[in-house]
Amino acid sequence: MKKIFLVLGLSAGTLFAYNAKASGTLVADTAKAAPAPTPDPPLVFSGSVDTYYKYDFSGHSNIPTSFASDQNSISIGMIDLGLKKTVGNASFVGEMSFGPRNDQSIPTSGYHIQNLYVNYAVTSKFSLTMGYMSTFIGYEVISPAANFNYSTSYLFTNGPFQNAGFKATYAFSDKVSLMAGIFNDSWNAYTSNGRVNNFGAQLTVTPVKNWTAYINLITGSSKGTEIDLTTAYQITDAFKLGLNAADFSASNGLTGGFTGVALYPQLAVSKVVTLGLRGEYFKDKSGTYGAFSESGYTNIFGPAPGEDVKAITFTMNIKAGPLTVIPEFRLDSSSQSDMFTDSSHTPTKTASQILLAAVYGF
């Protein structure tokens, strides 16, 4: 009898152990088969800081383009902080900056937002964007980390810096895309003067690898119409050629505007040193046009009505990881002798300056 109970007990224990093992295997297999949740992409953080020294050979600030205006001084540009995140088809970009370069690029005193917009990719080819955005006009930008030259052109200074609006972008192919949108009447301001009456468009064309061209338009009854061509071609690994040409005509009862062209050849002579030149021709159309600010129209930055200026800037970029050291020499020449002044503050046709900047991008 004991043998019978022993056999039955062993049989029951074996059956229980088998069932427990089978059950555990089933649970493990089920858990293994369940897909793991996909984590959201990380928040992307980027930015830059910059500092510079500039000396104008007249002994005082003389060249009326944006930024780097301090004379014979070791000065700061700005600290620029950017955030970007994409989850699914939705994304946002936020960018803030602090310092003199920020204050000169935003007309609203005490404000620090350079970019603040949201984007939704309706399809892989079609997207919608709304908010306050760096302008699509021109070759140069506010952040020194994205420019080769540290000083800026007359075309950059007189065009928009930012535009607030709503735009749609459609990619017909990997070579052609079109953006069209509506924008506030005010350039460089978060809010309009009660009107959303500017229309903007950008046709992007990539004819061959490493060559992209942008044909840009912004027009509105309160400001005027600017047509802009921006293009860059990495012709070889060492040689790049950029070009910016623009024409602006004022509206709202005002006459005049500006027209100009700038050429940007760059040659990498080593892995850490690149030489570049910016040659610019800029002409103020005869009239009463002025650059726009929140309070209205002010004098244009540059030559007087009907006057033109030619500017040549020699720039070197020396790379040390995320740090770029930028020595620069600039010579400007106007068609009339009332744009610049010499060391005795006598009107002259020419102005020149040297500059040394350091830009750290992260």
Protein backbone atom coordinates (compact mmCIF):
# COMPACT_ATOMS: atom_id res chain seq x y z
CA MET A 1 0.00 0.00 0.00
CA LYS A 2 2.85 2.34 0.90
CA LYS A 3 4.37 1.66 -2.50
CA ILE A 4 1.08 2.54 -4.18
CA PHE A 5 0.85 5.89 -2.27
CA LEU A 6 4.49 6.59 -3.06
CA VAL A 7 3.95 6.01 -6.77
CA LEU A 8 0.81 8.16 -6.76
CA GLY A 9 2.62 10.94 -4.86
CA LEU A 10 5.53 10.93 -7.25
CA SER A 11 3.18 10.94 -10.21
CA ALA A 12 1.18 13.89 -8.82
CA GLY A 13 4.35 15.84 -8.04
CA THR A 14 5.72 15.25 -11.51
CA LEU A 15 2.43 16.31 -13.10
CA PHE A 16 2.30 19.50 -10.95
CA ALA A 17 5.88 20.38 -11.80
CA TYR A 18 5.23 19.80 -15.50
CA ASN A 19 2.11 22.00 -15.47
CA ALA A 20 3.89 24.75 -13.53
CA LYS A 21 6.81 24.68 -15.97
CA ALA A 22 4.46 24.71 -18.97
CA SER A 23 2.45 27.55 -17.48
CA GLY A 24 5.59 29.54 -16.76
CA THR A 25 6.85 29.00 -20.28
CA LEU A 26 3.56 30.19 -21.70
CA VAL A 27 3.64 33.36 -19.63
CA ALA A 28 7.25 34.02 -20.59
CA ASP A 29 6.52 33.49 -24.27
CA THR A 30 3.53 35.80 -24.11
CA ALA A 31 5.57 38.55 -22.42
CA LYS A 32 8.38 38.13 -24.91
CA ALA A 33 5.99 38.44 -27.85
CA ALA A 34 4.47 41.74 -26.62
CA PRO A 35 6.11 44.73 -28.39
CA ALA A 36 8.11 47.05 -26.17
CA PRO A 37 6.85 50.65 -26.05
CA THR A 38 8.79 53.00 -28.36
CA PRO A 39 10.39 55.85 -26.40
CA ASP A 40 9.85 59.41 -27.55
CA PRO A 41 12.80 60.97 -29.41
CA PRO A 42 14.98 63.07 -27.09
CA LEU A 43 14.77 66.82 -26.73
CA VAL A 44 17.54 68.29 -28.91
CA PHE A 45 19.48 71.15 -27.33
CA SER A 46 21.86 73.39 -29.30
CA GLY A 47 23.26 76.90 -29.31
CA SER A 48 26.31 79.15 -29.45
CA VAL A 49 28.22 81.90 -27.67
CA ASP A 50 30.41 84.53 -29.31
CA THR A 51 32.80 87.33 -28.45
CA TYR A 52 34.79 89.76 -30.61
CA TYR A 53 37.23 92.66 -30.88
CA LYS A 54 36.79 95.28 -33.62
CA TYR A 55 38.86 98.31 -34.62
CA ASP A 56 37.75 100.83 -37.24
CA PHE A 57 40.73 102.72 -38.67
CA SER A 58 38.84 106.01 -38.39
CA GLY A 59 38.94 105.63 -34.62
CA HIS A 60 35.15 105.35 -34.33
CA SER A 61 32.38 103.02 -35.53
CA ASN A 62 31.79 103.77 -39.18
CA ILE A 63 30.23 100.88 -41.11
CA PRO A 64 26.44 100.84 -40.58
CA THR A 65 25.66 97.13 -40.86
CA SER A 66 24.21 94.91 -38.13
CA PHE A 67 26.08 93.78 -34.99
CA ALA A 68 29.75 94.05 -33.92
CA SER A 69 29.32 97.80 -33.47
CA ASP A 70 31.62 98.36 -30.48
CA GLN A 71 34.82 100.22 -31.35
CA ASN A 72 38.23 99.24 -29.96
CA SER A 73 36.63 96.98 -27.37
CA ILE A 74 36.65 93.32 -26.41
CA SER A 75 32.92 92.78 -26.51
CA ILE A 76 30.27 90.07 -26.46
CA GLY A 77 27.79 89.04 -29.11
CA MET A 78 25.15 86.82 -27.54
CA ILE A 79 24.37 83.46 -26.02
CA ASP A 80 21.93 81.56 -28.21
CA LEU A 81 19.91 78.61 -26.86
CA GLY A 82 17.75 76.37 -29.06
CA LEU A 83 15.33 73.52 -28.30
CA LYS A 84 13.81 71.09 -30.78
CA LYS A 85 11.64 68.02 -30.37
CA THR A 86 9.72 65.72 -32.73
CA VAL A 87 7.12 63.16 -31.67
CA GLY A 88 5.34 61.37 -34.49
CA ASN A 89 4.39 63.93 -37.13
CA ALA A 90 4.46 66.93 -34.78
CA SER A 91 7.49 69.02 -33.85
CA PHE A 92 8.41 72.35 -32.31
CA VAL A 93 11.38 74.71 -32.35
CA GLY A 94 12.14 77.29 -29.67
CA GLU A 95 15.17 79.59 -29.65
CA MET A 96 16.13 82.32 -27.20
CA SER A 97 19.14 84.62 -27.12
CA PHE A 98 20.67 87.14 -24.73
CA GLY A 99 23.21 89.89 -25.34
CA PRO A 100 23.83 92.89 -27.62
CA ARG A 101 23.41 90.84 -30.81
CA ASN A 102 19.98 89.75 -29.59
CA ASP A 103 19.00 93.32 -28.66
CA GLN A 104 19.98 94.62 -32.10
CA SER A 105 18.07 91.87 -33.92
CA ILE A 106 14.76 92.23 -32.06
CA PRO A 107 13.08 95.66 -32.07
CA THR A 108 10.99 94.94 -28.95
CA SER A 109 13.13 95.92 -25.97
CA GLY A 110 13.61 93.18 -23.38
CA TYR A 111 12.40 90.38 -25.65
CA HIS A 112 14.61 87.38 -26.33
CA ILE A 113 12.75 84.99 -28.66
CA GLN A 114 14.39 84.34 -32.04
CA ASN A 115 12.22 81.38 -33.08
CA LEU A 116 9.04 79.88 -31.66
CA TYR A 117 6.95 77.71 -33.97
CA VAL A 118 5.22 74.37 -34.34
CA ASN A 119 5.20 72.08 -37.37
CA TYR A 120 3.01 69.19 -38.45
CA ALA A 121 3.98 66.80 -41.25
CA VAL A 122 0.65 65.96 -42.88
CA THR A 123 2.46 63.53 -45.18
CA SER A 124 6.10 62.79 -45.94
CA LYS A 125 5.94 65.54 -48.60
CA PHE A 126 3.51 68.10 -47.15
CA SER A 127 3.97 70.05 -43.90
CA LEU A 128 2.37 73.00 -42.11
CA THR A 129 4.20 75.49 -39.89
CA MET A 130 2.91 78.30 -37.69
CA GLY A 131 4.62 80.78 -35.37
CA TYR A 132 7.54 83.20 -35.28
CA MET A 133 10.35 82.10 -37.58
CA SER A 134 13.73 83.19 -38.86
CA THR A 135 13.11 84.73 -42.26
CA PHE A 136 13.45 82.68 -45.42
CA ILE A 137 14.90 85.75 -47.19
CA GLY A 138 18.64 86.14 -47.68
CA TYR A 139 21.95 84.31 -47.33
CA GLU A 140 23.08 85.37 -43.86
CA VAL A 141 21.36 84.79 -40.51
CA ILE A 142 21.41 86.24 -36.99
CA SER A 143 23.31 83.40 -35.29
CA PRO A 144 27.07 83.85 -35.87
CA ALA A 145 27.54 80.07 -35.71
CA ALA A 146 25.66 79.71 -39.01
CA ASN A 147 27.58 82.46 -40.87
CA PHE A 148 31.06 82.29 -42.36
CA ASN A 149 31.68 86.04 -42.04
CA TYR A 150 31.29 87.62 -38.61
CA SER A 151 30.34 91.07 -39.86
CA THR A 152 27.14 91.24 -41.91
CA SER A 153 26.16 92.48 -45.35
CA TYR A 154 23.99 95.46 -46.25
CA LEU A 155 21.52 93.05 -47.84
CA PHE A 156 21.16 91.19 -44.55
CA THR A 157 20.84 94.37 -42.50
CA ASN A 158 18.07 95.83 -44.66
CA GLY A 159 16.04 92.67 -45.19
CA PRO A 160 13.77 91.00 -42.63
CA PHE A 161 15.28 89.07 -39.73
CA GLN A 162 12.13 87.19 -38.68
CA ASN A 163 8.59 86.74 -39.98
CA ALA A 164 5.57 85.63 -37.97
CA GLY A 165 3.06 83.66 -40.00
CA PHE A 166 1.55 80.43 -41.26
CA LYS A 167 3.12 78.53 -44.15
CA ALA A 168 2.71 75.29 -46.08
CA THR A 169 5.57 73.42 -47.76
CA TYR A 170 5.24 70.72 -50.40
CA ALA A 171 8.12 68.64 -51.78
CA PHE A 172 7.41 67.65 -55.37
CA SER A 173 10.60 65.59 -55.37
CA ASP A 174 13.99 65.52 -53.69
CA LYS A 175 15.01 68.28 -56.11
CA VAL A 176 12.05 70.69 -56.03
CA SER A 177 9.86 72.04 -53.21
CA LEU A 178 7.57 75.03 -52.76
CA MET A 179 6.65 77.03 -49.66
CA ALA A 180 3.78 79.54 -49.57
CA GLY A 181 2.30 81.37 -46.61
CA ILE A 182 0.73 84.43 -45.05
CA PHE A 183 2.68 86.64 -42.65
CA ASN A 184 2.18 89.62 -40.37
CA ASP A 185 2.61 93.09 -41.83
CA SER A 186 5.47 93.81 -39.37
CA TRP A 187 8.93 92.42 -40.00
CA ASN A 188 10.97 91.28 -36.98
CA ALA A 189 8.03 91.55 -34.56
CA TYR A 190 5.98 88.92 -32.74
CA THR A 191 2.70 90.67 -33.44
CA SER A 192 1.25 92.61 -36.35
CA ASN A 193 -0.06 96.16 -36.47
CA GLY A 194 -3.52 94.65 -36.81
CA ARG A 195 -2.95 93.14 -40.26
CA VAL A 196 -1.84 89.77 -41.61
CA ASN A 197 -1.33 91.05 -45.13
CA ASN A 198 2.07 89.83 -46.30
CA PHE A 199 2.35 86.94 -48.73
CA GLY A 200 5.55 84.94 -48.89
CA ALA A 201 6.82 82.11 -51.07
CA GLN A 202 10.02 80.14 -51.58
CA LEU A 203 10.87 77.85 -54.47
CA THR A 204 13.73 75.48 -53.63
CA VAL A 205 15.60 73.78 -56.45
CA THR A 206 18.54 71.36 -56.24
CA PRO A 207 19.75 71.04 -59.85
CA VAL A 208 22.67 68.74 -59.00
CA LYS A 209 24.23 67.26 -55.88
CA ASN A 210 25.66 69.90 -53.51
CA TRP A 211 23.95 72.81 -55.33
CA THR A 212 20.76 74.36 -53.91
CA ALA A 213 19.01 77.55 -55.00
CA TYR A 214 16.18 79.44 -53.28
CA ILE A 215 13.96 81.93 -55.08
CA ASN A 216 12.16 83.99 -52.44
CA LEU A 217 9.33 86.53 -52.42
CA ILE A 218 7.68 88.55 -49.68
CA THR A 219 5.14 91.25 -50.50
CA GLY A 220 2.53 93.32 -48.70
CA SER A 221 0.82 96.68 -48.92
CA SER A 222 2.19 97.91 -45.58
CA LYS A 223 5.85 97.22 -46.31
CA GLY A 224 6.66 96.52 -49.95
CA THR A 225 7.98 93.74 -52.14
CA GLU A 226 11.30 91.97 -51.89
CA ILE A 227 12.48 89.39 -54.42
CA ASP A 228 15.53 87.43 -53.36
CA LEU A 229 17.82 84.76 -54.84
CA THR A 230 20.01 82.75 -52.48
CA THR A 231 22.18 79.91 -53.71
CA ALA A 232 25.24 77.92 -52.66
CA TYR A 233 27.23 75.31 -54.61
CA GLN A 234 29.86 73.06 -53.04
CA ILE A 235 31.78 72.73 -56.29
CA THR A 236 34.57 70.58 -54.85
CA ASP A 237 35.38 69.30 -51.38
CA ALA A 238 37.53 72.41 -50.89
CA PHE A 239 35.70 75.13 -52.88
CA LYS A 240 32.23 76.55 -52.20
CA LEU A 241 30.54 79.45 -53.98
CA GLY A 242 27.53 81.31 -52.60
CA LEU A 243 25.45 84.17 -54.01
CA ASN A 244 22.71 86.46 -52.73
CA ALA A 245 20.87 88.96 -54.94
CA ALA A 246 17.83 90.98 -53.87
CA ASP A 247 15.61 93.84 -54.93
CA PHE A 248 13.18 95.66 -52.64
CA SER A 249 10.56 98.25 -53.58
CA ALA A 250 8.72 100.15 -50.86
CA SER A 251 4.95 100.60 -50.77
CA ASN A 252 2.39 102.32 -48.51
CA GLY A 253 2.84 105.65 -50.27
CA LEU A 254 6.63 105.55 -50.00
CA THR A 255 9.09 105.40 -52.89
CA GLY A 256 12.52 103.87 -53.21
CA GLY A 257 13.96 100.71 -51.74
CA PHE A 258 17.24 98.95 -52.42
CA THR A 259 18.92 96.53 -54.77
CA GLY A 260 22.14 94.57 -54.43
CA VAL A 261 24.20 91.44 -54.91
CA ALA A 262 26.80 89.64 -52.78
CA LEU A 263 29.21 86.86 -53.79
CA TYR A 264 30.68 84.40 -51.26
CA PRO A 265 33.65 82.28 -52.50
CA GLN A 266 35.27 80.03 -49.87
CA LEU A 267 38.33 77.80 -50.10
CA ALA A 268 39.35 75.20 -47.51
CA VAL A 269 43.16 75.17 -47.47
CA SER A 270 43.31 72.51 -44.74
CA LYS A 271 41.02 70.57 -42.42
CA VAL A 272 41.02 73.42 -39.94
CA VAL A 273 41.51 76.59 -42.04
CA THR A 274 39.10 78.03 -44.63
CA LEU A 275 39.59 81.33 -46.47
CA GLY A 276 36.62 83.32 -47.69
CA LEU A 277 35.64 86.58 -49.31
CA ARG A 278 32.38 88.49 -49.45
CA GLY A 279 32.11 90.99 -52.26
CA GLU A 280 28.95 93.11 -52.15
CA TYR A 281 27.34 95.83 -54.22
CA PHE A 282 24.40 97.63 -52.58
CA LYS A 283 22.41 100.59 -53.89
CA ASP A 284 19.69 102.61 -52.21
CA LYS A 285 17.01 103.53 -54.72
CA SER A 286 16.27 107.25 -54.85
CA GLY A 287 13.26 107.98 -52.66
CA THR A 288 12.02 108.22 -49.10
CA TYR A 289 12.27 104.56 -48.21
CA GLY A 290 13.36 103.63 -44.71
CA ALA A 291 13.94 100.40 -42.79
CA PHE A 292 10.91 99.19 -40.85
CA SER A 293 10.60 99.18 -37.09
CA GLU A 294 7.64 98.75 -34.77
CA SER A 295 7.30 102.50 -34.48
CA GLY A 296 7.30 103.00 -38.26
CA TYR A 297 9.86 103.79 -40.92
CA THR A 298 13.35 104.99 -40.09
CA ASN A 299 16.41 105.75 -42.21
CA ILE A 300 17.83 102.93 -44.27
CA PHE A 301 20.97 101.27 -42.92
CA GLY A 302 23.59 102.19 -45.47
CA PRO A 303 23.94 104.72 -48.28
CA ALA A 304 21.77 107.80 -48.75
CA PRO A 305 19.01 107.84 -51.41
CA GLY A 306 20.51 107.18 -54.82
CA GLU A 307 23.93 106.30 -53.39
CA ASP A 308 25.68 102.95 -53.70
CA VAL A 309 28.36 101.17 -51.72
CA LYS A 310 30.85 98.42 -52.54
CA ALA A 311 32.18 96.27 -49.71
CA ILE A 312 34.89 93.60 -49.67
CA THR A 313 35.35 91.42 -46.60
CA PHE A 314 38.26 88.99 -46.24
CA THR A 315 37.55 86.32 -43.62
CA MET A 316 39.37 83.28 -42.25
CA ASN A 317 37.74 80.48 -40.24
CA ILE A 318 40.08 78.51 -37.97
CA LYS A 319 38.41 75.45 -36.46
CA ALA A 320 39.30 73.90 -33.12
CA GLY A 321 36.52 71.41 -32.52
CA PRO A 322 33.35 73.38 -31.68
CA LEU A 323 35.32 76.64 -31.49
CA THR A 324 35.79 78.83 -34.57
CA VAL A 325 38.27 81.72 -34.50
CA ILE A 326 37.47 84.37 -37.14
CA PRO A 327 40.03 87.02 -38.21
CA GLU A 328 38.49 89.50 -40.64
CA PHE A 329 39.39 92.61 -42.66
CA ARG A 330 36.72 94.76 -44.30
CA LEU A 331 36.89 97.68 -46.74
CA ASP A 332 33.78 99.64 -47.78
CA SER A 333 33.64 102.33 -50.47
CA SER A 334 30.67 104.57 -51.31
CA SER A 335 29.90 106.51 -54.46
CA GLN A 336 29.54 109.75 -52.49
CA SER A 337 31.55 111.24 -49.63
CA ASP A 338 28.76 111.55 -47.06
CA MET A 339 28.43 107.95 -45.84
CA PHE A 340 31.63 107.55 -43.80
CA THR A 341 33.91 109.86 -41.82
CA ASP A 342 37.67 109.77 -41.25
CA SER A 343 39.59 110.14 -37.97
CA SER A 344 38.81 113.88 -37.85
CA HIS A 345 35.11 113.19 -38.60
CA THR A 346 35.45 114.67 -42.08
CA PRO A 347 33.17 113.00 -44.67
CA THR A 348 34.97 110.41 -46.78
CA LYS A 349 34.13 107.75 -49.34
CA THR A 350 35.89 104.83 -47.64
CA ALA A 351 35.90 102.99 -44.34
CA SER A 352 37.92 99.99 -43.15
CA GLN A 353 38.06 97.80 -40.08
CA ILE A 354 39.72 94.72 -38.63
CA LEU A 355 37.96 92.22 -36.43
CA LEU A 356 38.77 89.12 -34.43
CA ALA A 357 35.89 86.94 -33.23
CA ALA A 358 35.51 83.62 -31.42
CA VAL A 359 32.33 81.58 -31.85
CA TYR A 360 31.63 78.40 -29.87
CA GLY A 361 28.80 76.23 -31.19
CA PHE A 362 27.22 73.38 -29.26
